[in-house]
Amino acid sequence: IITINRPEARNAFNSETSEQMKAAIDRFEEDPDLFIGIITGAGGTFSAGADLKEAAKGKRRSTERGGFGIFAKPPKKPIIAAVEGYAVAGGMELCLACDLIVAAKDARMGLPEVRHNLVAVGGGLFRLPKRMPYHLVMELALTGDMLPAEFFHRHGVVNRLADSGKSLEVAIELAERLLENG
């Protein structure tokens, strides 16, 4: 279980967090005893994406694995996102870099970059259209709306919905189900 632990910043990724994620993913990938990873966020929020204050100072959040330490080179082993609260902007893109998504029913997800005159360059604009209808993706990308997890579940992006506060528990149950297979 990898926990993004910057609750005071809604688990927004700064350069240090990106390096820590890269190190965690590298360790996960290199350890032959680890088969499934789960990424979650501390403090009731998955991730608000990039730390915009740090980005305004020109600091990079990219690593050899790409932005947030995972975007360009996701691990070859399955990763499950366990979403509570918000998974927006890069947080949503982090979910899309995972193989499976479990989200709390009251979680909200979206690509609000357009509201800040930014573009969802962490994979949202090319991963999301592979998972749901193009026109719905364009509406999300162009309006910046943050929608309930139920919307994404209905359109096949979220695998399982969980009660509030239970996404990690449901993600662990799903991981255990996967471990039953060869």
N, C-alpha and C. Protein backbone atom coordinates (compact mmCIF):
# COMPACT_ATOMS: atom_id res chain seq x y z
N ILE A 1 0.86 -1.18 0.00
CA ILE A 1 0.00 0.00 0.00
C ILE A 1 0.90 1.23 0.00
N ILE A 2 0.70 2.08 -0.99
CA ILE A 2 1.44 3.33 -1.09
C ILE A 2 0.46 4.45 -0.75
N THR A 3 0.80 5.24 0.27
CA THR A 3 -0.07 6.33 0.70
C THR A 3 0.57 7.67 0.37
N ILE A 4 -0.14 8.47 -0.39
CA ILE A 4 0.29 9.85 -0.66
C ILE A 4 0.00 10.61 0.64
N ASN A 5 1.03 11.16 1.25
CA ASN A 5 0.87 11.69 2.61
C ASN A 5 1.21 13.18 2.71
N ARG A 6 0.38 13.98 2.07
CA ARG A 6 0.47 15.44 2.20
C ARG A 6 -0.94 15.98 2.41
N PRO A 7 -1.63 15.52 3.46
CA PRO A 7 -3.03 15.92 3.62
C PRO A 7 -3.22 17.43 3.77
N GLU A 8 -2.19 18.13 4.29
CA GLU A 8 -2.29 19.59 4.44
C GLU A 8 -2.37 20.27 3.09
N ALA A 9 -1.95 19.58 2.02
CA ALA A 9 -2.00 20.12 0.66
C ALA A 9 -2.93 19.28 -0.22
N ARG A 10 -3.87 18.58 0.40
CA ARG A 10 -4.79 17.69 -0.31
C ARG A 10 -4.04 16.68 -1.17
N ASN A 11 -2.89 16.26 -0.65
CA ASN A 11 -2.04 15.25 -1.31
C ASN A 11 -1.61 15.67 -2.71
N ALA A 12 -1.41 16.98 -2.87
CA ALA A 12 -0.89 17.50 -4.13
C ALA A 12 0.58 17.10 -4.24
N PHE A 13 1.01 16.82 -5.45
CA PHE A 13 2.37 16.35 -5.70
C PHE A 13 3.33 17.52 -5.88
N ASN A 14 4.34 17.56 -5.01
CA ASN A 14 5.48 18.45 -5.23
C ASN A 14 6.63 17.57 -5.69
N SER A 15 7.81 18.15 -5.89
CA SER A 15 8.93 17.36 -6.39
C SER A 15 9.32 16.24 -5.43
N GLU A 16 9.27 16.50 -4.13
CA GLU A 16 9.63 15.47 -3.15
C GLU A 16 8.64 14.31 -3.20
N THR A 17 7.36 14.61 -3.29
CA THR A 17 6.34 13.56 -3.35
C THR A 17 6.51 12.72 -4.61
N SER A 18 6.83 13.36 -5.73
CA SER A 18 7.06 12.63 -6.98
C SER A 18 8.24 11.67 -6.83
N GLU A 19 9.32 12.13 -6.21
CA GLU A 19 10.49 11.27 -6.01
C GLU A 19 10.15 10.10 -5.08
N GLN A 20 9.35 10.37 -4.06
CA GLN A 20 8.94 9.31 -3.13
C GLN A 20 8.06 8.28 -3.84
N MET A 21 7.16 8.75 -4.71
CA MET A 21 6.32 7.82 -5.47
C MET A 21 7.18 6.98 -6.39
N LYS A 22 8.12 7.60 -7.08
CA LYS A 22 9.03 6.86 -7.96
C LYS A 22 9.76 5.78 -7.18
N ALA A 23 10.28 6.12 -6.01
CA ALA A 23 11.01 5.15 -5.19
C ALA A 23 10.09 4.01 -4.75
N ALA A 24 8.86 4.34 -4.37
CA ALA A 24 7.90 3.30 -3.96
C ALA A 24 7.55 2.39 -5.12
N ILE A 25 7.31 2.95 -6.30
CA ILE A 25 6.98 2.15 -7.48
C ILE A 25 8.17 1.29 -7.89
N ASP A 26 9.38 1.87 -7.85
CA ASP A 26 10.58 1.08 -8.17
C ASP A 26 10.71 -0.11 -7.21
N ARG A 27 10.53 0.15 -5.92
CA ARG A 27 10.64 -0.94 -4.93
C ARG A 27 9.58 -2.01 -5.19
N PHE A 28 8.36 -1.57 -5.45
CA PHE A 28 7.26 -2.50 -5.75
C PHE A 28 7.60 -3.35 -6.96
N GLU A 29 8.09 -2.71 -8.00
CA GLU A 29 8.39 -3.44 -9.23
C GLU A 29 9.56 -4.41 -9.06
N GLU A 30 10.55 -4.04 -8.26
CA GLU A 30 11.76 -4.86 -8.10
C GLU A 30 11.59 -6.01 -7.11
N ASP A 31 10.62 -5.91 -6.20
CA ASP A 31 10.45 -6.93 -5.16
C ASP A 31 9.62 -8.10 -5.70
N PRO A 32 10.23 -9.29 -5.83
CA PRO A 32 9.49 -10.43 -6.38
C PRO A 32 8.38 -10.95 -5.46
N ASP A 33 8.37 -10.51 -4.21
CA ASP A 33 7.33 -10.95 -3.28
C ASP A 33 6.10 -10.05 -3.28
N LEU A 34 6.17 -8.94 -4.01
CA LEU A 34 5.03 -8.03 -4.10
C LEU A 34 4.36 -8.22 -5.46
N PHE A 35 3.05 -8.48 -5.44
CA PHE A 35 2.33 -8.80 -6.67
C PHE A 35 1.32 -7.74 -7.09
N ILE A 36 0.73 -7.04 -6.11
CA ILE A 36 -0.30 -6.05 -6.40
C ILE A 36 -0.04 -4.85 -5.51
N GLY A 37 -0.14 -3.65 -6.09
CA GLY A 37 0.01 -2.43 -5.32
C GLY A 37 -1.30 -1.69 -5.23
N ILE A 38 -1.45 -0.93 -4.16
CA ILE A 38 -2.62 -0.07 -3.98
C ILE A 38 -2.09 1.33 -3.65
N ILE A 39 -2.59 2.33 -4.36
CA ILE A 39 -2.25 3.72 -4.08
C ILE A 39 -3.46 4.39 -3.48
N THR A 40 -3.26 5.07 -2.36
CA THR A 40 -4.33 5.78 -1.68
C THR A 40 -3.79 7.11 -1.17
N GLY A 41 -4.66 7.93 -0.63
CA GLY A 41 -4.24 9.22 -0.09
C GLY A 41 -4.58 9.35 1.38
N ALA A 42 -3.77 10.08 2.11
CA ALA A 42 -4.00 10.32 3.53
C ALA A 42 -5.03 11.44 3.73
N GLY A 43 -5.69 11.41 4.88
CA GLY A 43 -6.56 12.52 5.26
C GLY A 43 -7.86 12.65 4.50
N GLY A 44 -8.34 11.58 3.88
CA GLY A 44 -9.65 11.62 3.24
C GLY A 44 -9.67 12.18 1.83
N THR A 45 -8.51 12.39 1.22
CA THR A 45 -8.43 12.85 -0.16
C THR A 45 -7.41 12.01 -0.90
N PHE A 46 -7.74 11.59 -2.12
CA PHE A 46 -6.78 10.84 -2.92
C PHE A 46 -5.66 11.78 -3.35
N SER A 47 -5.93 12.72 -4.26
CA SER A 47 -4.93 13.71 -4.65
C SER A 47 -5.57 14.82 -5.46
N ALA A 48 -5.13 16.06 -5.15
CA ALA A 48 -5.58 17.22 -5.90
C ALA A 48 -4.66 17.50 -7.09
N GLY A 49 -3.74 16.58 -7.37
CA GLY A 49 -2.87 16.74 -8.53
C GLY A 49 -1.56 17.42 -8.19
N ALA A 50 -1.13 18.31 -9.05
CA ALA A 50 0.15 19.00 -8.88
C ALA A 50 0.04 20.09 -7.82
N ASP A 51 1.12 20.28 -7.10
CA ASP A 51 1.23 21.39 -6.16
C ASP A 51 1.46 22.65 -7.01
N LEU A 52 0.41 23.42 -7.22
CA LEU A 52 0.48 24.57 -8.11
C LEU A 52 1.37 25.68 -7.57
N LYS A 53 1.50 25.76 -6.24
CA LYS A 53 2.41 26.77 -5.66
C LYS A 53 3.85 26.44 -6.03
N GLU A 54 4.21 25.17 -5.94
CA GLU A 54 5.56 24.78 -6.32
C GLU A 54 5.75 24.92 -7.83
N ALA A 55 4.74 24.54 -8.59
CA ALA A 55 4.83 24.65 -10.06
C ALA A 55 5.04 26.10 -10.49
N ALA A 56 4.40 27.05 -9.79
CA ALA A 56 4.56 28.47 -10.12
C ALA A 56 5.99 28.94 -9.91
N LYS A 57 6.73 28.22 -9.06
CA LYS A 57 8.14 28.56 -8.81
C LYS A 57 9.05 27.88 -9.83
N GLY A 58 8.45 27.13 -10.76
CA GLY A 58 9.23 26.50 -11.82
C GLY A 58 9.84 25.15 -11.45
N LYS A 59 9.47 24.59 -10.30
CA LYS A 59 10.02 23.29 -9.91
C LYS A 59 9.34 22.18 -10.68
N ARG A 60 10.11 21.17 -11.05
CA ARG A 60 9.60 20.04 -11.82
C ARG A 60 9.11 18.93 -10.89
N ARG A 61 8.08 18.24 -11.33
CA ARG A 61 7.59 17.09 -10.60
C ARG A 61 7.82 15.82 -11.40
N SER A 62 8.73 15.89 -12.35
CA SER A 62 8.97 14.75 -13.23
C SER A 62 10.17 13.95 -12.75
N THR A 63 10.11 12.65 -12.97
CA THR A 63 11.18 11.72 -12.62
C THR A 63 11.46 10.87 -13.86
N GLU A 64 12.34 9.88 -13.71
CA GLU A 64 12.58 8.98 -14.84
C GLU A 64 11.32 8.21 -15.21
N ARG A 65 10.40 8.07 -14.29
CA ARG A 65 9.13 7.41 -14.56
C ARG A 65 8.08 8.41 -15.04
N GLY A 66 8.48 9.64 -15.25
CA GLY A 66 7.53 10.66 -15.69
C GLY A 66 6.95 11.40 -14.50
N GLY A 67 6.01 12.29 -14.79
CA GLY A 67 5.36 13.09 -13.76
C GLY A 67 4.78 12.24 -12.65
N PHE A 68 4.86 12.78 -11.45
CA PHE A 68 4.35 12.13 -10.24
C PHE A 68 5.01 10.79 -9.98
N GLY A 69 6.11 10.50 -10.68
CA GLY A 69 6.86 9.28 -10.46
C GLY A 69 6.22 8.03 -11.01
N ILE A 70 5.22 8.17 -11.92
CA ILE A 70 4.54 6.97 -12.43
C ILE A 70 3.96 7.14 -13.83
N PHE A 71 3.68 8.36 -14.29
CA PHE A 71 2.89 8.55 -15.51
C PHE A 71 3.49 7.93 -16.76
N ALA A 72 4.76 8.15 -17.02
CA ALA A 72 5.34 7.68 -18.28
C ALA A 72 5.68 6.20 -18.26
N LYS A 73 5.97 5.67 -17.08
CA LYS A 73 6.39 4.28 -16.98
C LYS A 73 5.69 3.61 -15.80
N PRO A 74 4.40 3.27 -15.95
CA PRO A 74 3.71 2.57 -14.87
C PRO A 74 4.33 1.19 -14.66
N PRO A 75 4.21 0.62 -13.48
CA PRO A 75 4.79 -0.70 -13.23
C PRO A 75 4.10 -1.78 -14.06
N LYS A 76 4.80 -2.89 -14.21
CA LYS A 76 4.25 -4.02 -14.97
C LYS A 76 3.31 -4.87 -14.13
N LYS A 77 3.31 -4.64 -12.83
CA LYS A 77 2.42 -5.36 -11.93
C LYS A 77 1.15 -4.52 -11.72
N PRO A 78 0.04 -5.17 -11.40
CA PRO A 78 -1.22 -4.43 -11.23
C PRO A 78 -1.17 -3.43 -10.07
N ILE A 79 -1.79 -2.28 -10.32
CA ILE A 79 -1.93 -1.22 -9.31
C ILE A 79 -3.41 -0.86 -9.23
N ILE A 80 -3.90 -0.73 -8.00
CA ILE A 80 -5.28 -0.32 -7.75
C ILE A 80 -5.26 1.06 -7.09
N ALA A 81 -6.06 1.99 -7.60
CA ALA A 81 -6.25 3.28 -6.94
C ALA A 81 -7.42 3.13 -5.98
N ALA A 82 -7.22 3.55 -4.72
CA ALA A 82 -8.28 3.55 -3.71
C ALA A 82 -8.60 5.01 -3.41
N VAL A 83 -9.72 5.49 -3.94
CA VAL A 83 -10.04 6.92 -3.96
C VAL A 83 -11.08 7.30 -2.91
N GLU A 84 -10.70 8.26 -2.09
CA GLU A 84 -11.61 8.95 -1.17
C GLU A 84 -11.54 10.43 -1.51
N GLY A 85 -12.57 11.17 -1.21
CA GLY A 85 -12.54 12.61 -1.40
C GLY A 85 -12.38 13.00 -2.85
N TYR A 86 -11.31 13.71 -3.14
CA TYR A 86 -11.08 14.21 -4.49
C TYR A 86 -9.94 13.49 -5.19
N ALA A 87 -10.16 13.16 -6.46
CA ALA A 87 -9.12 12.69 -7.39
C ALA A 87 -9.29 13.59 -8.60
N VAL A 88 -8.63 14.72 -8.56
CA VAL A 88 -8.82 15.72 -9.61
C VAL A 88 -7.48 16.10 -10.22
N ALA A 89 -7.54 16.58 -11.46
CA ALA A 89 -6.35 17.00 -12.19
C ALA A 89 -5.36 15.83 -12.21
N GLY A 90 -4.14 16.05 -11.79
CA GLY A 90 -3.15 14.98 -11.76
C GLY A 90 -3.56 13.81 -10.88
N GLY A 91 -4.41 14.05 -9.90
CA GLY A 91 -4.93 12.95 -9.08
C GLY A 91 -5.81 12.01 -9.89
N MET A 92 -6.63 12.59 -10.77
CA MET A 92 -7.43 11.78 -11.70
C MET A 92 -6.51 11.06 -12.67
N GLU A 93 -5.49 11.76 -13.16
CA GLU A 93 -4.55 11.15 -14.09
C GLU A 93 -3.76 10.02 -13.42
N LEU A 94 -3.48 10.17 -12.14
CA LEU A 94 -2.83 9.10 -11.39
C LEU A 94 -3.74 7.87 -11.35
N CYS A 95 -5.02 8.08 -11.11
CA CYS A 95 -5.98 6.96 -11.15
C CYS A 95 -5.94 6.27 -12.51
N LEU A 96 -5.88 7.06 -13.56
CA LEU A 96 -5.88 6.50 -14.92
C LEU A 96 -4.59 5.75 -15.23
N ALA A 97 -3.51 6.05 -14.52
CA ALA A 97 -2.26 5.31 -14.70
C ALA A 97 -2.31 3.96 -13.97
N CYS A 98 -3.31 3.79 -13.11
CA CYS A 98 -3.51 2.53 -12.40
C CYS A 98 -4.34 1.58 -13.27
N ASP A 99 -4.32 0.30 -12.91
CA ASP A 99 -5.04 -0.71 -13.69
C ASP A 99 -6.50 -0.84 -13.27
N LEU A 100 -6.78 -0.58 -12.00
CA LEU A 100 -8.13 -0.69 -11.46
C LEU A 100 -8.37 0.50 -10.54
N ILE A 101 -9.64 0.90 -10.43
CA ILE A 101 -9.99 2.03 -9.56
C ILE A 101 -11.17 1.63 -8.68
N VAL A 102 -10.97 1.79 -7.37
CA VAL A 102 -12.04 1.65 -6.39
C VAL A 102 -12.25 3.05 -5.82
N ALA A 103 -13.48 3.53 -5.84
CA ALA A 103 -13.76 4.89 -5.36
C ALA A 103 -14.92 4.90 -4.39
N ALA A 104 -14.81 5.74 -3.38
CA ALA A 104 -15.91 5.95 -2.45
C ALA A 104 -17.07 6.59 -3.21
N LYS A 105 -18.28 6.24 -2.82
CA LYS A 105 -19.46 6.76 -3.51
C LYS A 105 -19.54 8.27 -3.48
N ASP A 106 -18.97 8.90 -2.44
CA ASP A 106 -19.01 10.35 -2.35
C ASP A 106 -17.75 11.03 -2.90
N ALA A 107 -16.86 10.25 -3.51
CA ALA A 107 -15.66 10.83 -4.12
C ALA A 107 -16.04 11.64 -5.35
N ARG A 108 -15.19 12.62 -5.67
CA ARG A 108 -15.40 13.44 -6.86
C ARG A 108 -14.13 13.38 -7.68
N MET A 109 -14.33 13.27 -9.00
CA MET A 109 -13.22 13.10 -9.91
C MET A 109 -13.38 14.04 -11.10
N GLY A 110 -12.25 14.44 -11.69
CA GLY A 110 -12.36 15.28 -12.87
C GLY A 110 -11.02 15.86 -13.28
N LEU A 111 -11.07 16.59 -14.37
CA LEU A 111 -9.89 17.23 -14.97
C LEU A 111 -10.13 18.75 -15.00
N PRO A 112 -9.97 19.43 -13.86
CA PRO A 112 -10.28 20.87 -13.80
C PRO A 112 -9.15 21.79 -14.27
N GLU A 113 -8.13 21.25 -14.93
CA GLU A 113 -6.99 22.07 -15.35
C GLU A 113 -7.41 23.31 -16.13
N VAL A 114 -8.43 23.16 -16.99
CA VAL A 114 -8.87 24.26 -17.83
C VAL A 114 -9.28 25.48 -17.00
N ARG A 115 -9.72 25.27 -15.78
CA ARG A 115 -10.10 26.38 -14.90
C ARG A 115 -8.89 27.23 -14.50
N HIS A 116 -7.70 26.64 -14.61
CA HIS A 116 -6.46 27.34 -14.25
C HIS A 116 -5.62 27.66 -15.49
N ASN A 117 -6.27 27.60 -16.67
CA ASN A 117 -5.61 27.86 -17.94
C ASN A 117 -4.46 26.87 -18.18
N LEU A 118 -4.68 25.62 -17.76
CA LEU A 118 -3.70 24.55 -17.92
C LEU A 118 -4.29 23.43 -18.78
N VAL A 119 -3.45 22.51 -19.19
CA VAL A 119 -3.87 21.34 -19.97
C VAL A 119 -3.55 20.09 -19.17
N ALA A 120 -4.41 19.09 -19.24
CA ALA A 120 -4.21 17.83 -18.52
C ALA A 120 -3.15 16.99 -19.25
N VAL A 121 -1.88 17.33 -19.02
CA VAL A 121 -0.78 16.70 -19.76
C VAL A 121 -0.25 15.44 -19.08
N GLY A 122 -0.81 15.05 -17.94
CA GLY A 122 -0.34 13.86 -17.22
C GLY A 122 -1.02 12.58 -17.67
N GLY A 123 -1.69 12.62 -18.79
CA GLY A 123 -2.31 11.41 -19.32
C GLY A 123 -3.82 11.46 -19.41
N GLY A 124 -4.44 12.43 -18.80
CA GLY A 124 -5.90 12.50 -18.81
C GLY A 124 -6.48 12.59 -20.21
N LEU A 125 -5.84 13.35 -21.07
CA LEU A 125 -6.38 13.57 -22.41
C LEU A 125 -6.12 12.42 -23.37
N PHE A 126 -5.21 11.50 -23.02
CA PHE A 126 -5.06 10.34 -23.90
C PHE A 126 -5.47 9.04 -23.22
N ARG A 127 -5.46 8.96 -21.91
CA ARG A 127 -5.90 7.72 -21.25
C ARG A 127 -7.42 7.67 -21.08
N LEU A 128 -8.02 8.79 -20.71
CA LEU A 128 -9.46 8.78 -20.45
C LEU A 128 -10.29 8.46 -21.70
N PRO A 129 -9.95 8.96 -22.91
CA PRO A 129 -10.75 8.59 -24.09
C PRO A 129 -10.67 7.11 -24.45
N LYS A 130 -9.69 6.41 -23.90
CA LYS A 130 -9.61 4.96 -24.13
C LYS A 130 -10.54 4.20 -23.18
N ARG A 131 -11.09 4.90 -22.20
CA ARG A 131 -11.90 4.24 -21.18
C ARG A 131 -13.37 4.66 -21.18
N MET A 132 -13.67 5.78 -21.81
CA MET A 132 -15.06 6.22 -21.88
C MET A 132 -15.27 7.01 -23.17
N PRO A 133 -16.51 7.25 -23.55
CA PRO A 133 -16.77 7.91 -24.83
C PRO A 133 -16.08 9.27 -24.97
N TYR A 134 -15.53 9.48 -26.14
CA TYR A 134 -14.77 10.68 -26.48
C TYR A 134 -15.50 11.98 -26.13
N HIS A 135 -16.77 12.08 -26.51
CA HIS A 135 -17.50 13.32 -26.29
C HIS A 135 -17.70 13.62 -24.81
N LEU A 136 -17.84 12.59 -23.99
CA LEU A 136 -17.93 12.82 -22.55
C LEU A 136 -16.59 13.31 -22.01
N VAL A 137 -15.50 12.74 -22.51
CA VAL A 137 -14.16 13.17 -22.10
C VAL A 137 -13.94 14.63 -22.49
N MET A 138 -14.32 14.98 -23.70
CA MET A 138 -14.15 16.36 -24.16
C MET A 138 -14.94 17.32 -23.29
N GLU A 139 -16.15 16.94 -22.92
CA GLU A 139 -16.95 17.80 -22.04
C GLU A 139 -16.24 17.99 -20.70
N LEU A 140 -15.72 16.90 -20.14
CA LEU A 140 -14.99 16.99 -18.87
C LEU A 140 -13.76 17.89 -19.00
N ALA A 141 -12.99 17.69 -20.06
CA ALA A 141 -11.75 18.44 -20.25
C ALA A 141 -12.01 19.92 -20.54
N LEU A 142 -13.11 20.21 -21.23
CA LEU A 142 -13.37 21.59 -21.63
C LEU A 142 -14.18 22.38 -20.61
N THR A 143 -14.94 21.68 -19.75
CA THR A 143 -15.69 22.38 -18.70
C THR A 143 -14.94 22.41 -17.38
N GLY A 144 -14.08 21.42 -17.16
CA GLY A 144 -13.38 21.33 -15.88
C GLY A 144 -14.26 20.81 -14.77
N ASP A 145 -15.43 20.25 -15.12
CA ASP A 145 -16.35 19.74 -14.09
C ASP A 145 -15.73 18.59 -13.30
N MET A 146 -16.04 18.58 -12.02
CA MET A 146 -15.66 17.47 -11.14
C MET A 146 -16.95 16.74 -10.80
N LEU A 147 -17.02 15.47 -11.19
CA LEU A 147 -18.27 14.72 -11.07
C LEU A 147 -18.15 13.61 -10.04
N PRO A 148 -19.30 13.12 -9.58
CA PRO A 148 -19.29 12.02 -8.60
C PRO A 148 -18.69 10.74 -9.19
N ALA A 149 -18.10 9.94 -8.32
CA ALA A 149 -17.51 8.67 -8.74
C ALA A 149 -18.53 7.79 -9.45
N GLU A 150 -19.78 7.91 -9.08
CA GLU A 150 -20.85 7.12 -9.72
C GLU A 150 -20.88 7.36 -11.22
N PHE A 151 -20.66 8.60 -11.67
CA PHE A 151 -20.62 8.91 -13.10
C PHE A 151 -19.53 8.07 -13.78
N PHE A 152 -18.36 8.04 -13.17
CA PHE A 152 -17.23 7.31 -13.76
C PHE A 152 -17.43 5.80 -13.66
N HIS A 153 -18.13 5.36 -12.64
CA HIS A 153 -18.46 3.94 -12.52
C HIS A 153 -19.44 3.54 -13.62
N ARG A 154 -20.45 4.36 -13.82
CA ARG A 154 -21.46 4.10 -14.85
C ARG A 154 -20.84 4.03 -16.24
N HIS A 155 -19.76 4.76 -16.48
CA HIS A 155 -19.12 4.78 -17.79
C HIS A 155 -17.87 3.90 -17.86
N GLY A 156 -17.70 3.02 -16.87
CA GLY A 156 -16.66 2.00 -16.94
C GLY A 156 -15.26 2.41 -16.54
N VAL A 157 -15.09 3.59 -15.95
CA VAL A 157 -13.76 4.03 -15.52
C VAL A 157 -13.46 3.51 -14.12
N VAL A 158 -14.42 3.59 -13.23
CA VAL A 158 -14.28 3.09 -11.86
C VAL A 158 -14.80 1.66 -11.83
N ASN A 159 -13.97 0.75 -11.29
CA ASN A 159 -14.36 -0.67 -11.23
C ASN A 159 -15.37 -0.95 -10.14
N ARG A 160 -15.12 -0.38 -8.95
CA ARG A 160 -16.00 -0.66 -7.81
C ARG A 160 -16.25 0.60 -7.02
N LEU A 161 -17.47 0.73 -6.52
CA LEU A 161 -17.83 1.81 -5.61
C LEU A 161 -17.82 1.26 -4.19
N ALA A 162 -17.39 2.09 -3.26
CA ALA A 162 -17.32 1.70 -1.85
C ALA A 162 -18.05 2.75 -1.02
N ASP A 163 -18.47 2.35 0.16
CA ASP A 163 -19.04 3.33 1.08
C ASP A 163 -17.94 4.32 1.47
N SER A 164 -18.34 5.50 1.89
CA SER A 164 -17.39 6.52 2.29
C SER A 164 -16.45 5.99 3.37
N GLY A 165 -15.16 6.21 3.18
CA GLY A 165 -14.17 5.75 4.14
C GLY A 165 -13.76 4.30 3.98
N LYS A 166 -14.32 3.60 3.00
CA LYS A 166 -14.07 2.16 2.83
C LYS A 166 -13.36 1.81 1.53
N SER A 167 -12.87 2.78 0.75
CA SER A 167 -12.27 2.46 -0.54
C SER A 167 -11.02 1.61 -0.38
N LEU A 168 -10.19 1.88 0.61
CA LEU A 168 -8.99 1.08 0.81
C LEU A 168 -9.36 -0.35 1.19
N GLU A 169 -10.34 -0.50 2.05
CA GLU A 169 -10.81 -1.83 2.45
C GLU A 169 -11.30 -2.62 1.23
N VAL A 170 -12.09 -1.99 0.38
CA VAL A 170 -12.61 -2.66 -0.81
C VAL A 170 -11.47 -2.94 -1.80
N ALA A 171 -10.50 -2.03 -1.90
CA ALA A 171 -9.35 -2.25 -2.78
C ALA A 171 -8.54 -3.45 -2.29
N ILE A 172 -8.38 -3.59 -1.00
CA ILE A 172 -7.66 -4.74 -0.44
C ILE A 172 -8.43 -6.03 -0.74
N GLU A 173 -9.74 -6.00 -0.60
CA GLU A 173 -10.55 -7.18 -0.93
C GLU A 173 -10.39 -7.55 -2.40
N LEU A 174 -10.38 -6.54 -3.28
CA LEU A 174 -10.19 -6.78 -4.70
C LEU A 174 -8.80 -7.36 -4.96
N ALA A 175 -7.79 -6.82 -4.31
CA ALA A 175 -6.42 -7.34 -4.46
C ALA A 175 -6.34 -8.80 -4.01
N GLU A 176 -6.98 -9.12 -2.91
CA GLU A 176 -6.98 -10.50 -2.42
C GLU A 176 -7.69 -11.41 -3.41
N ARG A 177 -8.74 -10.93 -4.04
CA ARG A 177 -9.45 -11.70 -5.07
C ARG A 177 -8.51 -11.97 -6.24
N LEU A 178 -7.73 -10.98 -6.65
CA LEU A 178 -6.79 -11.15 -7.76
C LEU A 178 -5.70 -12.14 -7.40
N LEU A 179 -5.29 -12.16 -6.15
CA LEU A 179 -4.21 -13.06 -5.72
C LEU A 179 -4.63 -14.53 -5.72
N GLU A 180 -5.93 -14.78 -5.85
CA GLU A 180 -6.40 -16.16 -5.93
C GLU A 180 -6.02 -16.80 -7.27
N ASN A 181 -5.72 -15.96 -8.24
CA ASN A 181 -5.39 -16.45 -9.58
C ASN A 181 -3.90 -16.72 -9.72
N GLY A 182 -3.53 -17.45 -10.79
CA GLY A 182 -2.14 -17.80 -11.04
C GLY A 182 -1.32 -16.63 -11.50
